[in-house]
Protein backbone atom coordinates (compact mmCIF):
# COMPACT_ATOMS: atom_id res chain seq x y z
CA MET A 1 108.22 93.29 72.82
CA VAL A 2 105.09 92.19 71.01
CA SER A 3 104.87 88.96 69.10
CA GLY A 4 103.85 89.53 65.48
CA ARG A 5 103.63 93.31 65.64
CA GLU A 6 104.72 96.17 67.86
CA ASN A 7 101.91 98.04 69.60
CA ARG A 8 102.24 100.80 72.13
CA ARG A 9 99.39 99.50 74.27
CA ALA A 10 101.20 96.28 75.05
CA GLY A 11 102.53 96.31 78.60
CA TRP A 12 105.95 95.22 79.71
CA GLY A 13 106.57 94.27 83.28
CA ARG A 14 109.46 94.09 85.63
CA ARG A 15 110.09 94.24 89.32
CA VAL A 16 113.53 94.79 90.75
CA LEU A 17 113.71 93.37 94.24
CA PRO A 18 116.17 94.51 96.89
CA SER A 19 119.87 93.94 96.31
CA LEU A 20 121.05 90.92 98.25
CA PRO A 21 124.37 89.75 99.60
CA ARG A 22 125.53 86.72 97.64
CA HIS A 23 124.07 84.27 100.12
CA GLY A 24 121.10 86.36 101.21
CA ALA A 25 117.46 85.31 101.01
CA PRO A 26 114.86 87.24 99.01
CA VAL A 27 112.70 89.61 101.00
CA ALA A 28 108.97 88.81 100.97
CA MET A 29 106.70 91.67 99.91
CA ALA A 30 103.16 92.41 100.90
CA PHE A 31 100.84 95.37 101.01
CA LEU A 32 98.09 96.43 103.35
CA ALA A 33 94.98 97.67 101.61
CA MET A 34 93.76 101.00 102.90
CA ALA A 35 90.29 102.42 102.88
CA PHE A 36 89.63 104.70 99.91
CA PHE A 37 88.67 108.32 100.23
CA CYS A 38 88.91 111.52 98.22
CA SER A 39 89.07 115.11 99.35
CA GLN A 40 89.61 118.51 97.90
CA ALA A 41 92.97 119.93 98.91
CA HIS A 42 94.64 123.31 98.93
CA ALA A 43 98.15 124.04 97.73
CA GLU A 44 100.82 124.18 100.42
CA PRO A 45 102.81 127.42 100.68
CA ALA A 46 105.95 127.28 98.58
CA ALA A 47 108.13 127.53 101.72
CA CYS A 48 106.93 124.07 102.77
CA GLN A 49 108.39 122.47 99.64
CA HIS A 50 111.76 123.12 98.05
CA LEU A 51 112.06 122.63 94.29
CA VAL A 52 115.21 120.55 93.83
CA ALA A 53 115.08 120.13 90.06
CA ARG A 54 112.72 120.30 87.10
CA VAL A 55 113.74 118.20 84.09
CA SER A 56 112.41 117.43 80.64
CA LEU A 57 110.36 114.26 80.28
CA ARG A 58 109.29 112.24 77.22
CA ASN A 59 106.84 109.49 76.49
CA ASP A 60 108.32 107.40 73.68
CA ALA A 61 105.97 104.56 72.68
CA GLY A 62 104.85 104.18 76.30
CA PHE A 63 108.32 104.54 77.85
CA ILE A 64 108.35 107.59 80.14
CA ASN A 65 111.99 108.68 80.22
CA VAL A 66 114.33 111.51 81.17
CA PRO A 67 117.82 112.60 80.12
CA ALA A 68 120.47 111.43 82.59
CA SER A 69 124.20 111.32 83.10
CA LEU A 70 125.87 107.99 83.99
CA ASN A 71 129.44 108.56 85.15
CA GLY A 72 129.44 111.69 83.00
CA HIS A 73 128.04 109.99 79.87
CA ALA A 74 124.75 111.13 78.32
CA ALA A 75 121.92 108.59 78.45
CA ARG A 76 118.18 108.35 78.97
CA MET A 77 116.53 106.52 81.85
CA ILE A 78 112.97 105.22 82.21
CA VAL A 79 111.18 106.70 85.25
CA ASP A 80 109.54 103.70 86.90
CA THR A 81 107.51 104.27 90.06
CA GLY A 82 106.38 100.63 89.92
CA SER A 83 109.85 99.12 90.26
CA GLU A 84 111.34 98.65 93.71
CA GLY A 85 114.85 99.22 92.41
CA SER A 86 116.77 100.90 89.62
CA LEU A 87 118.57 99.10 86.81
CA VAL A 88 121.26 99.66 84.17
CA SER A 89 121.88 97.98 80.83
CA PRO A 90 124.87 95.70 80.11
CA GLU A 91 125.92 98.13 77.36
CA ALA A 92 126.04 101.06 79.77
CA MET A 93 128.11 99.04 82.22
CA ALA A 94 130.62 98.19 79.50
CA LEU A 95 130.85 101.67 77.96
CA PHE A 96 130.41 104.03 80.91
CA ASP A 97 133.24 103.06 83.27
CA MET A 98 131.15 101.04 85.72
CA GLN A 99 132.73 98.44 87.96
CA PRO A 100 131.06 95.18 89.00
CA ASP A 101 129.81 95.10 92.57
CA ARG A 102 131.24 91.81 93.77
CA GLU A 103 129.42 92.03 97.09
CA ARG A 104 125.87 92.28 95.83
CA ARG A 105 123.46 90.72 93.36
CA THR A 106 119.77 91.40 92.79
CA VAL A 107 116.65 89.35 92.07
CA VAL A 108 114.86 90.72 88.99
CA GLN A 109 111.28 89.59 88.39
CA GLY A 110 109.34 90.14 85.16
CA THR A 111 105.79 89.66 83.93
CA GLY A 112 106.14 85.89 83.94
CA GLY A 113 106.40 85.90 87.72
CA GLU A 114 109.77 84.15 87.75
CA GLY A 115 112.72 85.88 89.42
CA ARG A 116 116.38 85.43 88.65
CA LEU A 117 119.60 86.63 90.20
CA VAL A 118 121.65 89.12 88.16
CA PRO A 119 124.94 90.93 88.87
CA ASN A 120 125.19 94.50 90.15
CA ALA A 121 127.29 97.40 88.90
CA ILE A 122 128.49 100.45 90.84
CA ILE A 123 127.56 103.79 89.26
CA HIS A 124 129.70 106.49 90.87
CA SER A 125 127.59 109.30 89.43
CA LEU A 126 123.94 109.02 88.37
CA ARG A 127 122.53 112.47 87.69
CA ILE A 128 119.11 113.58 86.54
CA GLY A 129 119.17 117.32 86.04
CA THR A 130 120.89 118.68 89.14
CA VAL A 131 119.92 115.69 91.28
CA GLU A 132 122.84 113.40 92.10
CA PHE A 133 121.85 109.87 93.17
CA GLY A 134 125.27 108.23 93.11
CA PRO A 135 127.27 106.42 94.09
CA VAL A 136 124.76 103.58 93.87
CA SER A 137 124.84 99.84 93.21
CA VAL A 138 122.20 98.67 90.73
CA PRO A 139 121.47 95.40 88.90
CA VAL A 140 122.59 94.93 85.32
CA GLU A 141 119.91 93.67 82.93
CA ALA A 142 118.68 94.38 79.39
CA LEU A 143 115.32 96.08 78.83
CA PRO A 144 112.97 94.60 76.21
CA ALA A 145 111.49 96.43 73.22
CA ILE A 146 112.90 99.85 74.04
CA PRO A 147 112.71 102.45 71.25
CA ALA A 148 115.86 103.61 69.47
CA LEU A 149 116.64 107.05 70.91
CA VAL A 150 119.69 109.32 70.92
CA PRO A 151 121.08 109.16 73.52
CA ALA A 152 119.88 105.63 74.17
CA ILE A 153 117.74 104.42 77.07
CA GLU A 154 120.28 102.71 79.33
CA GLY A 155 118.18 101.64 82.30
CA LEU A 156 115.49 102.72 84.69
CA VAL A 157 115.20 104.76 87.87
CA GLY A 158 112.99 103.02 90.41
CA ALA A 159 111.44 103.69 93.80
CA ASP A 160 114.72 103.16 95.67
CA LEU A 161 115.88 106.52 94.28
CA LEU A 162 112.61 108.32 93.49
CA SER A 163 111.32 107.92 97.05
CA ARG A 164 113.98 110.33 98.33
CA TYR A 165 111.74 113.14 97.05
CA ASP A 166 108.18 114.11 96.30
CA ILE A 167 107.77 113.63 92.54
CA GLU A 168 105.59 115.76 90.25
CA PHE A 169 104.72 114.50 86.76
CA SER A 170 103.34 116.53 83.89
CA VAL A 171 103.95 114.07 81.06
CA ALA A 172 101.60 115.84 78.65
CA GLU A 173 103.59 119.07 79.09
CA GLY A 174 106.91 117.23 78.90
CA TRP A 175 108.47 117.68 82.35
CA MET A 176 108.81 116.26 85.87
CA ALA A 177 110.01 117.83 89.12
CA PHE A 178 111.77 116.69 92.27
CA TRP A 179 110.56 118.36 95.47
CA SER A 180 112.04 118.17 98.95
CA PRO A 181 109.53 118.64 101.81
CA ALA A 182 110.75 121.00 104.52
CA THR A 183 109.12 118.82 107.20
CA ALA A 184 107.47 115.41 107.37
CA THR A 185 104.05 117.08 107.48
CA CYS A 186 104.52 118.96 104.21
CA SER A 187 102.31 117.73 101.43
CA GLY A 188 102.13 118.92 97.84
CA PRO A 189 101.24 120.29 95.48
CA VAL A 190 102.85 123.69 95.03
CA GLY A 191 101.42 126.15 92.55
CA TRP A 192 98.38 124.17 91.44
CA ARG A 193 95.63 126.69 90.68
CA TYR A 194 92.82 124.27 89.91
CA LEU A 195 90.72 121.90 91.97
CA TYR A 196 92.56 118.66 92.52
CA ARG A 197 92.06 115.54 94.59
CA ALA A 198 94.09 113.65 97.17
CA VAL A 199 94.06 109.86 97.22
CA PRO A 200 95.65 107.96 100.12
CA LEU A 201 98.50 105.64 99.21
CA ASP A 202 99.57 102.42 100.80
CA ILE A 203 103.37 102.35 100.41
CA THR A 204 105.05 98.97 100.78
CA PRO A 205 108.30 98.64 102.75
CA ARG A 206 110.12 98.81 99.39
CA LYS A 207 108.31 102.00 98.33
CA ARG A 208 105.82 100.64 95.81
CA LEU A 209 102.67 102.76 95.63
CA MET A 210 99.19 101.24 95.96
CA ALA A 211 95.87 103.06 95.69
CA ALA A 212 92.26 101.89 95.86
CA VAL A 213 90.35 102.53 92.61
CA GLU A 214 86.98 101.53 91.19
CA LEU A 215 86.59 99.65 87.92
CA ASP A 216 82.98 99.20 86.82
CA GLY A 217 81.97 99.72 90.45
CA HIS A 218 84.38 97.11 91.84
CA THR A 219 87.14 98.22 94.22
CA LEU A 220 90.61 97.17 93.06
CA HIS A 221 94.10 97.82 94.33
CA ALA A 222 96.18 99.59 91.71
CA LEU A 223 99.94 100.00 91.50
CA ILE A 224 100.97 103.54 90.45
CA ASP A 225 103.36 102.39 87.75
CA SER A 226 104.90 104.93 85.37
CA GLY A 227 107.07 102.11 84.01
CA ALA A 228 104.12 100.17 82.62
CA ARG A 229 103.53 101.05 78.97
CA SER A 230 99.77 100.95 79.42
CA THR A 231 97.17 100.60 82.15
CA ILE A 232 96.84 96.87 82.76
CA VAL A 233 94.05 95.03 84.56
CA SER A 234 94.84 91.54 85.80
CA THR A 235 92.80 88.78 84.20
CA ASP A 236 91.50 87.72 87.62
CA ALA A 237 90.44 91.28 88.47
CA ALA A 238 88.67 91.64 85.12
CA HIS A 239 86.71 88.46 85.85
CA ARG A 240 85.76 89.86 89.29
CA ALA A 241 84.59 93.04 87.55
CA GLY A 242 82.19 90.95 85.45
CA VAL A 243 84.19 90.29 82.28
CA SER A 244 83.81 86.64 81.29
CA ALA A 245 86.55 84.52 79.74
CA ALA A 246 84.44 84.20 76.60
CA THR A 247 84.11 87.97 76.29
CA LEU A 248 87.86 88.44 76.69
CA ALA A 249 88.55 85.76 74.09
CA GLY A 250 86.55 87.81 71.58
CA ASP A 251 88.46 91.03 72.31
CA PRO A 252 91.49 92.01 70.19
CA GLY A 253 94.94 91.46 71.65
CA GLY A 254 98.24 89.67 71.22
CA VAL A 255 101.30 88.43 73.10
CA ALA A 256 103.78 90.66 74.93
CA ALA A 257 107.16 89.70 76.37
CA GLY A 258 108.47 91.16 79.61
CA LEU A 259 111.94 91.69 80.99
CA ASP A 260 112.21 87.98 81.82
CA GLY A 261 111.47 86.98 78.21
CA HIS A 262 108.22 85.19 79.05
CA GLY A 263 105.24 85.89 76.80
CA GLN A 264 101.91 87.02 78.23
CA VAL A 265 98.62 86.94 76.36
CA TYR A 266 96.77 90.25 76.56
CA HIS A 267 93.42 91.61 75.36
CA TRP A 268 92.01 95.11 75.01
CA HIS A 269 88.63 95.41 76.69
CA ARG A 270 86.27 98.37 76.90
CA PHE A 271 85.08 98.80 80.48
CA GLN A 272 82.27 101.08 81.66
CA SER A 273 84.28 103.34 83.94
CA LEU A 274 87.56 103.73 85.83
CA ARG A 275 87.47 105.93 88.91
CA VAL A 276 90.64 107.17 90.64
CA GLY A 277 89.85 109.66 93.38
CA GLN A 278 87.12 111.81 91.88
CA GLU A 279 88.45 111.42 88.32
CA ASP A 280 85.95 109.21 86.50
CA GLU A 281 86.95 108.01 83.03
CA LYS A 282 84.06 106.72 80.95
CA ALA A 283 84.36 103.74 78.59
CA PRO A 284 88.12 103.23 78.96
CA VAL A 285 89.80 100.61 76.77
CA LEU A 286 92.30 98.85 79.04
CA THR A 287 94.80 96.04 78.59
CA VAL A 288 93.79 92.81 80.34
CA SER A 289 96.62 90.40 81.06
CA PRO A 290 97.91 88.13 83.85
CA VAL A 291 99.59 90.25 86.55
CA HIS A 292 101.93 88.32 88.81
CA ASP A 293 101.80 90.84 91.61
CA THR A 294 99.89 91.81 94.73
CA ALA A 295 98.19 94.54 92.68
CA ASP A 296 94.93 94.02 90.77
CA MET A 297 95.96 96.50 88.09
CA LEU A 298 98.74 98.87 87.02
CA LEU A 299 98.12 102.55 86.27
CA GLY A 300 100.63 103.01 83.46
CA ALA A 301 102.04 105.56 81.01
CA ASP A 302 98.73 106.24 79.24
CA TRP A 303 97.14 107.18 82.60
CA PHE A 304 100.07 109.47 83.43
CA MET A 305 99.62 111.17 80.04
CA THR A 306 96.09 112.28 80.93
CA HIS A 307 96.81 113.47 84.47
CA ARG A 308 98.96 115.92 86.39
CA VAL A 309 100.38 113.73 89.17
CA TRP A 310 102.12 114.55 92.45
CA ILE A 311 103.39 111.62 94.51
CA SER A 312 104.21 112.38 98.15
CA TYR A 313 106.18 109.50 99.63
CA ALA A 314 106.52 111.41 102.91
CA THR A 315 102.78 111.80 103.53
CA ARG A 316 101.60 108.71 101.60
CA SER A 317 99.38 110.75 99.32
CA LEU A 318 98.67 110.90 95.60
CA TYR A 319 97.43 114.18 94.16
CA LEU A 320 96.00 114.36 90.68
CA MET A 321 94.02 116.49 88.31
CA PRO A 322 93.40 116.41 84.56
CA ALA A 323 96.53 117.05 82.51
CA ARG A 324 97.33 120.43 81.03
CA LYS A 325 98.47 119.97 77.45
CA ARG A 326 101.76 121.35 76.22
CA VAL A 327 101.47 124.85 74.78
CA GLU A 328 103.33 124.99 71.48
CA PRO A 329 105.24 128.23 70.70
């Protein structure tokens, strides 16, 4: 939610931490930075990967979402690689026959950096295409500034569920796919007929995806975050990349509110270049805002729109190439 006016470049942040027993202690999170390299790769034979499901995918005002079924009821869910856990709205819990999980609660942390404990609900069936994730216990919390869709967005699917598969995104073409590696050594992609690059990932114990990138020649650690509405550079990282506070103050921007309701000042700044693997974007305009995270920046929905992306949780690799645009009939 943007103060004053809605703008699709404004980011919204959230992090769903592990579900806890009622008297449990939060789990500390950290990530180990890995050395950055790029290499050309060759497609694995199709027998190495099994296509589990291919589903339609939309980008609505920066919210990458898919059709889903919650206990048999039609809904839409945000696909959020940057969130440790999944989440469901209070409305969905009330309308879709979900029962409270009296044994578990979850710490939800937003852009303001403050976490709070929320109740969990048990979803007996959570389906995306032919993929059944349920039964699963997820926290119950409202999402800010979501667009009005039919059916409505009723939550998000995070890394706790996505990491069961290799995930392929083609947001520009309007679809995503779930792949199941035949062995632990299988690595995607399948069927890519163009040159593409592999970037090593550091995957945290809770399945968040970190990659080393270069912004104006400075190495930063980026979270691969399809749930962020735009690519966001932390204010501290922007300063390290040579952007002064005075320069930022002169850039356009506003105030965005995250899941926790706290406002964050953001600015739009034109950098010289952003390099991920061998993909080098010139003169990108990126959102600069405080990021209360171990990451220096978030690669968000706008970045996913311009790339074909394959995330291999099994082999800790990110494959990407320029997006292929949707072919209209």
